[in-house]
Amino acid sequence: MALFSFLLVQTGHCLVLAKTKTKPIIEKKKVPVAISRKSIVKPLPQWQKTRNESHKEIYDNGNLLRGIEKLEQSISEAKTANADPKEILTLYRLYLIYTGRAKNFDDAIKAYEGVIEYAEKAGKIELRDDTLITLAFFESDMHHYDKSIIYAQKAIDNVTKNRGEHFPGLIRAYELLGSTQLKMGNLTAAKENLTKSLALSNSTFANNFQGSVGLDFYGLGLIAEKEGDKTKALEWFQKAKAKSEEIIHRSAVLTKANGVKVSLNSEGYLNRVDEEINPVEREFIYKNLELDIARIQGLEKSEE
């Protein structure tokens, strides 16, 4: 059926109506536009917002303590929200870094404990065990020997169960346990665990634990001295000194053994050797082994 409309058409000097045929108007149906999932921005959970506020306080405002407070709040919010354990683990690792910078040791211990708890929940077993050993050292360094022994023993139990009794990482765990027991005066237990540590030192994977091997020698030397066996004590101290020199010579940064003692006290030393000597080796090479050897030799001479 035709549709008509009337238009005003100018003809000469007048306007007339003209009938015209028009096409029917067909309304087009509106097709819904598909929205890409990528274009949907989900709001951040509150714990993530608080974490971002923590970063802003630390890096933009330079307020480390306020940033730590915000991070503590973020951890609490993430737990309440039942966030993924891996996310909470990341928060605790940040917390550990920042509390370390602030030298807040009580909060650092809480951070270590949080890393251990959530590493286990996240299935990061190696991280859990490594952190247990680190916390054991931290507690021992703060003279919390009982706690140190608990953490070291727990690390040993976990590692033995999951990675076997010959796993090289046990070199450090047994050494730390024995060294702590020695500080407490438990010579029998200390000697047993330092000896266990040494028994693993022949592993082809033991290169990263040479500092612990040196501390084994040193601890056994102290035990022999306390037991009155000066000959054995001197033998252990000399082995420790040889191991110290081996570590020093291995370093690509410190090539001259004679310059090491000076370099140890020079500005920027720790930064220069950070990639060459690990923290346990650094702890060991600071031992004044020449003094220990001289002391034992002096005792031997006085008895002649």
Protein backbone atom coordinates (compact mmCIF):
# COMPACT_ATOMS: atom_id res chain seq x y z
CA MET A 1 0.00 0.00 0.00
CA ALA A 2 1.47 3.34 -1.10
CA LEU A 3 1.87 6.12 1.36
CA PHE A 4 1.49 9.73 0.26
CA SER A 5 2.59 13.01 1.76
CA PHE A 6 1.93 16.58 0.72
CA LEU A 7 4.76 19.00 0.10
CA LEU A 8 4.73 22.69 -0.66
CA VAL A 9 6.27 23.07 -4.11
CA GLN A 10 7.12 26.45 -5.53
CA THR A 11 5.95 26.93 -9.16
CA GLY A 12 6.71 30.31 -10.56
CA HIS A 13 5.44 32.90 -8.08
CA CYS A 14 3.08 30.69 -6.08
CA LEU A 15 3.20 27.66 -3.88
CA VAL A 16 1.08 24.58 -4.64
CA LEU A 17 0.58 21.35 -2.83
CA ALA A 18 2.17 18.38 -4.49
CA LYS A 19 1.36 14.83 -3.59
CA THR A 20 4.41 12.60 -3.40
CA LYS A 21 4.85 8.91 -2.82
CA THR A 22 7.07 8.02 0.19
CA LYS A 23 8.56 4.79 1.44
CA PRO A 24 7.13 3.33 4.63
CA ILE A 25 9.25 3.97 7.74
CA ILE A 26 10.49 0.71 9.24
CA GLU A 27 11.76 0.95 12.79
CA LYS A 28 14.99 -0.98 13.30
CA LYS A 29 15.24 -3.18 16.31
CA LYS A 30 17.95 -2.17 18.76
CA VAL A 31 20.61 -4.84 19.02
CA PRO A 32 22.22 -5.02 22.47
CA VAL A 33 25.94 -4.22 22.39
CA ALA A 34 28.14 -6.91 23.92
CA ILE A 35 30.36 -5.59 26.74
CA SER A 36 33.86 -7.01 26.94
CA ARG A 37 34.81 -8.54 30.27
CA LYS A 38 38.01 -6.56 30.12
CA SER A 39 36.03 -3.35 30.15
CA ILE A 40 34.38 -4.28 33.48
CA VAL A 41 36.53 -2.87 36.28
CA LYS A 42 35.86 -4.53 39.59
CA PRO A 43 36.37 -2.39 42.68
CA LEU A 44 39.46 -3.25 44.70
CA PRO A 45 38.92 -5.11 47.96
CA GLN A 46 39.44 -2.91 50.99
CA TRP A 47 42.63 -4.72 52.00
CA GLN A 48 44.21 -3.90 48.62
CA LYS A 49 43.23 -0.25 48.96
CA THR A 50 44.85 -0.15 52.40
CA ARG A 51 47.95 -1.87 51.02
CA ASN A 52 48.21 0.82 48.33
CA GLU A 53 47.86 3.47 51.02
CA SER A 54 50.76 1.79 52.82
CA HIS A 55 52.95 2.08 49.70
CA LYS A 56 51.99 5.73 49.36
CA GLU A 57 52.92 6.49 52.96
CA ILE A 58 56.31 4.80 52.58
CA TYR A 59 57.37 5.84 49.08
CA ASP A 60 55.51 9.11 48.47
CA ASN A 61 55.35 10.56 51.98
CA GLY A 62 58.50 8.96 53.38
CA ASN A 63 56.62 7.86 56.50
CA LEU A 64 57.84 4.32 57.16
CA LEU A 65 56.13 3.84 60.52
CA ARG A 66 52.76 5.02 59.22
CA GLY A 67 53.23 2.71 56.22
CA ILE A 68 53.85 -0.24 58.54
CA GLU A 69 50.65 0.57 60.47
CA LYS A 70 48.70 0.61 57.20
CA LEU A 71 50.22 -2.70 56.17
CA GLU A 72 49.23 -4.26 59.50
CA GLN A 73 45.69 -3.02 58.84
CA SER A 74 45.79 -4.49 55.34
CA ILE A 75 46.84 -7.91 56.68
CA SER A 76 43.99 -7.87 59.19
CA GLU A 77 41.48 -6.90 56.48
CA ALA A 78 42.77 -9.59 54.11
CA LYS A 79 42.34 -12.26 56.79
CA THR A 80 38.80 -11.07 57.54
CA ALA A 81 37.99 -11.17 53.82
CA ASN A 82 39.40 -14.72 53.53
CA ALA A 83 41.81 -13.57 50.83
CA ASP A 84 43.97 -16.09 48.98
CA PRO A 85 46.76 -17.32 51.32
CA LYS A 86 49.31 -16.39 48.62
CA GLU A 87 48.10 -12.77 48.80
CA ILE A 88 48.39 -12.71 52.59
CA LEU A 89 51.83 -14.32 52.31
CA THR A 90 52.92 -11.47 50.03
CA LEU A 91 51.66 -8.94 52.58
CA TYR A 92 53.62 -10.61 55.37
CA ARG A 93 56.79 -10.64 53.27
CA LEU A 94 56.39 -6.90 52.68
CA TYR A 95 55.74 -6.47 56.39
CA LEU A 96 58.99 -8.31 57.13
CA ILE A 97 60.96 -6.02 54.80
CA TYR A 98 59.54 -2.82 56.28
CA THR A 99 59.84 -3.84 59.93
CA GLY A 100 63.44 -4.78 59.20
CA ARG A 101 64.08 -1.31 57.82
CA ALA A 102 62.52 0.21 60.93
CA LYS A 103 64.60 -2.13 63.16
CA ASN A 104 61.40 -3.07 64.97
CA PHE A 105 62.44 -6.51 66.10
CA ASP A 106 59.22 -7.47 67.90
CA ASP A 107 57.16 -6.75 64.79
CA ALA A 108 59.80 -8.50 62.65
CA ILE A 109 59.26 -11.67 64.67
CA LYS A 110 55.50 -11.39 64.04
CA ALA A 111 56.28 -10.98 60.34
CA TYR A 112 58.47 -14.10 60.31
CA GLU A 113 55.73 -16.08 62.06
CA GLY A 114 53.17 -14.82 59.55
CA VAL A 115 55.38 -15.84 56.61
CA ILE A 116 55.80 -19.32 58.10
CA GLU A 117 52.05 -19.74 58.69
CA TYR A 118 50.91 -18.55 55.29
CA ALA A 119 53.77 -20.17 53.36
CA GLU A 120 52.44 -23.47 54.66
CA LYS A 121 48.84 -22.56 53.78
CA ALA A 122 49.95 -21.50 50.30
CA GLY A 123 51.89 -24.72 49.77
CA LYS A 124 55.27 -22.95 49.74
CA ILE A 125 57.01 -25.61 51.82
CA GLU A 126 60.59 -24.62 51.00
CA LEU A 127 59.90 -21.00 51.92
CA ARG A 128 58.33 -22.13 55.19
CA ASP A 129 61.38 -24.19 56.16
CA ASP A 130 63.91 -21.56 55.06
CA THR A 131 62.05 -18.95 57.11
CA LEU A 132 62.00 -21.26 60.13
CA ILE A 133 65.81 -21.46 59.97
CA THR A 134 66.11 -17.69 59.52
CA LEU A 135 63.81 -17.08 62.49
CA ALA A 136 65.83 -19.55 64.58
CA PHE A 137 68.96 -17.50 63.84
CA PHE A 138 67.13 -14.24 64.55
CA GLU A 139 65.93 -15.50 67.95
CA SER A 140 69.40 -16.81 68.82
CA ASP A 141 70.95 -13.48 67.88
CA MET A 142 68.53 -11.81 70.31
CA HIS A 143 69.54 -14.33 73.01
CA HIS A 144 66.12 -16.02 72.90
CA TYR A 145 67.84 -19.39 72.89
CA ASP A 146 64.86 -21.54 73.90
CA LYS A 147 62.75 -20.16 71.03
CA SER A 148 65.65 -20.52 68.62
CA ILE A 149 65.99 -24.21 69.44
CA ILE A 150 62.25 -24.77 68.93
CA TYR A 151 62.32 -23.18 65.47
CA ALA A 152 65.54 -24.92 64.40
CA GLN A 153 64.24 -28.32 65.53
CA LYS A 154 60.94 -27.75 63.73
CA ALA A 155 62.84 -26.88 60.53
CA ILE A 156 64.91 -30.07 60.87
CA ASP A 157 61.79 -32.21 61.39
CA ASN A 158 60.04 -30.64 58.38
CA VAL A 159 63.01 -30.88 56.03
CA THR A 160 63.81 -34.47 57.03
CA LYS A 161 60.20 -35.48 56.42
CA ASN A 162 59.73 -33.67 53.10
CA ARG A 163 63.21 -33.70 51.53
CA GLY A 164 65.12 -36.46 53.26
CA GLU A 165 67.72 -36.67 56.01
CA HIS A 166 70.59 -35.97 53.60
CA PHE A 167 69.23 -32.68 52.26
CA PRO A 168 72.13 -30.13 52.22
CA GLY A 169 70.00 -27.41 53.84
CA LEU A 170 70.18 -29.42 57.05
CA ILE A 171 73.85 -28.39 57.31
CA ARG A 172 72.73 -24.92 58.39
CA ALA A 173 69.86 -26.18 60.55
CA TYR A 174 72.02 -28.60 62.56
CA GLU A 175 74.84 -26.05 62.86
CA LEU A 176 72.44 -23.38 64.13
CA LEU A 177 70.88 -25.80 66.60
CA GLY A 178 74.29 -26.92 67.86
CA SER A 179 75.68 -23.37 68.07
CA THR A 180 72.67 -22.26 70.11
CA GLN A 181 72.96 -25.24 72.45
CA LEU A 182 76.63 -24.39 72.91
CA LYS A 183 75.70 -20.87 73.98
CA MET A 184 73.37 -22.41 76.55
CA GLY A 185 76.16 -24.61 77.87
CA ASN A 186 74.64 -27.90 76.68
CA LEU A 187 77.91 -29.33 75.35
CA THR A 188 76.68 -32.88 74.71
CA ALA A 189 73.73 -31.85 72.52
CA ALA A 190 75.79 -29.15 70.83
CA LYS A 191 78.55 -31.58 69.93
CA GLU A 192 76.04 -34.09 68.55
CA ASN A 193 74.31 -31.57 66.27
CA LEU A 194 77.50 -29.87 65.04
CA THR A 195 78.83 -33.32 64.15
CA LYS A 196 75.60 -34.09 62.25
CA SER A 197 76.05 -30.87 60.32
CA LEU A 198 79.62 -31.78 59.38
CA ALA A 199 78.53 -35.27 58.27
CA LEU A 200 76.44 -33.63 55.53
CA SER A 201 79.20 -31.28 54.38
CA ASN A 202 80.59 -33.72 51.81
CA SER A 203 77.47 -33.33 49.69
CA THR A 204 78.04 -31.99 46.18
CA PHE A 205 75.35 -29.40 46.96
CA ALA A 206 77.04 -28.14 50.12
CA ASN A 207 78.89 -25.22 48.48
CA ASN A 208 76.35 -22.69 49.70
CA PHE A 209 76.81 -23.79 53.31
CA GLN A 210 80.57 -23.36 53.78
CA GLY A 211 79.98 -20.69 56.42
CA SER A 212 78.08 -23.26 58.49
CA VAL A 213 80.88 -25.79 58.01
CA GLY A 214 83.33 -23.21 59.35
CA LEU A 215 81.05 -22.55 62.33
CA ASP A 216 80.92 -26.32 62.94
CA PHE A 217 84.72 -26.41 63.18
CA TYR A 218 84.71 -23.36 65.44
CA GLY A 219 82.01 -24.69 67.77
CA LEU A 220 83.65 -28.08 68.08
CA GLY A 221 86.91 -26.30 68.92
CA LEU A 222 85.22 -24.40 71.75
CA ILE A 223 83.67 -27.62 73.06
CA ALA A 224 87.01 -29.46 72.99
CA GLU A 225 88.61 -26.55 74.88
CA LYS A 226 85.87 -26.65 77.53
CA GLU A 227 86.33 -30.41 77.83
CA GLY A 228 90.07 -29.87 78.41
CA ASP A 229 91.23 -31.47 75.15
CA LYS A 230 93.61 -28.75 73.94
CA THR A 231 95.09 -30.85 71.14
CA LYS A 232 91.67 -31.47 69.64
CA ALA A 233 90.65 -27.85 70.20
CA LEU A 234 93.72 -26.62 68.31
CA GLU A 235 92.97 -29.03 65.47
CA TRP A 236 89.38 -27.74 65.13
CA PHE A 237 90.44 -24.07 65.28
CA GLN A 238 93.08 -24.63 62.60
CA LYS A 239 90.47 -26.28 60.37
CA ALA A 240 88.20 -23.31 60.98
CA LYS A 241 90.98 -20.89 60.03
CA ALA A 242 91.68 -22.83 56.82
CA LYS A 243 87.98 -22.73 55.94
CA SER A 244 87.87 -18.97 56.61
CA GLU A 245 90.81 -18.39 54.28
CA GLU A 246 89.18 -20.59 51.65
CA ILE A 247 86.00 -18.48 51.74
CA ILE A 248 87.96 -15.24 51.57
CA HIS A 249 90.09 -16.39 48.63
CA ARG A 250 87.02 -17.64 46.80
CA SER A 251 85.56 -14.16 46.80
CA ALA A 252 86.10 -12.35 43.51
CA VAL A 253 86.01 -9.03 45.33
CA LEU A 254 88.59 -9.76 48.02
CA THR A 255 91.54 -11.37 46.27
CA LYS A 256 94.24 -10.61 48.83
CA ALA A 257 93.92 -12.36 52.17
CA ASN A 258 96.20 -9.79 53.80
CA GLY A 259 93.82 -7.00 52.91
CA VAL A 260 90.72 -8.66 54.24
CA LYS A 261 91.00 -7.60 57.86
CA VAL A 262 91.34 -3.98 56.76
CA SER A 263 88.52 -4.34 54.24
CA LEU A 264 86.19 -5.79 56.86
CA ASN A 265 86.21 -2.48 58.67
CA SER A 266 86.17 -0.21 55.63
CA GLU A 267 83.17 1.82 54.54
CA GLY A 268 80.92 0.08 52.06
CA TYR A 269 82.46 -3.36 52.64
CA LEU A 270 79.17 -5.16 53.16
CA ASN A 271 77.74 -3.75 49.95
CA ARG A 272 80.80 -4.72 47.93
CA VAL A 273 80.87 -8.36 49.02
CA ASP A 274 77.14 -8.94 49.33
CA GLU A 275 77.04 -11.01 46.13
CA GLU A 276 80.24 -12.87 46.93
CA ILE A 277 79.93 -13.82 50.60
CA ASN A 278 76.60 -14.86 52.09
CA PRO A 279 75.51 -13.71 55.59
CA VAL A 280 76.52 -16.95 57.34
CA GLU A 281 79.98 -16.85 55.76
CA ARG A 282 80.27 -13.21 56.76
CA GLU A 283 79.40 -14.11 60.35
CA PHE A 284 82.06 -16.80 60.31
CA ILE A 285 84.97 -14.88 58.78
CA TYR A 286 84.59 -12.20 61.44
CA LYS A 287 85.74 -14.73 64.06
CA ASN A 288 89.18 -13.89 65.41
CA LEU A 289 90.58 -17.37 64.88
CA GLU A 290 94.20 -16.27 65.26
CA LEU A 291 93.38 -15.27 68.83
CA ASP A 292 91.73 -18.63 69.56
CA ILE A 293 94.71 -20.53 68.14
CA ALA A 294 97.17 -18.39 70.08
CA ARG A 295 95.19 -18.94 73.29
CA ILE A 296 95.30 -22.72 72.94
CA GLN A 297 98.98 -22.72 71.98
CA GLY A 298 99.70 -20.55 75.01
CA LEU A 299 97.88 -23.01 77.28
CA GLU A 300 99.86 -25.91 75.81
CA LYS A 301 103.16 -24.12 76.40
CA SER A 302 102.28 -23.26 79.96
CA GLU A 303 101.79 -26.95 80.70
CA GLU A 304 105.16 -28.00 79.28
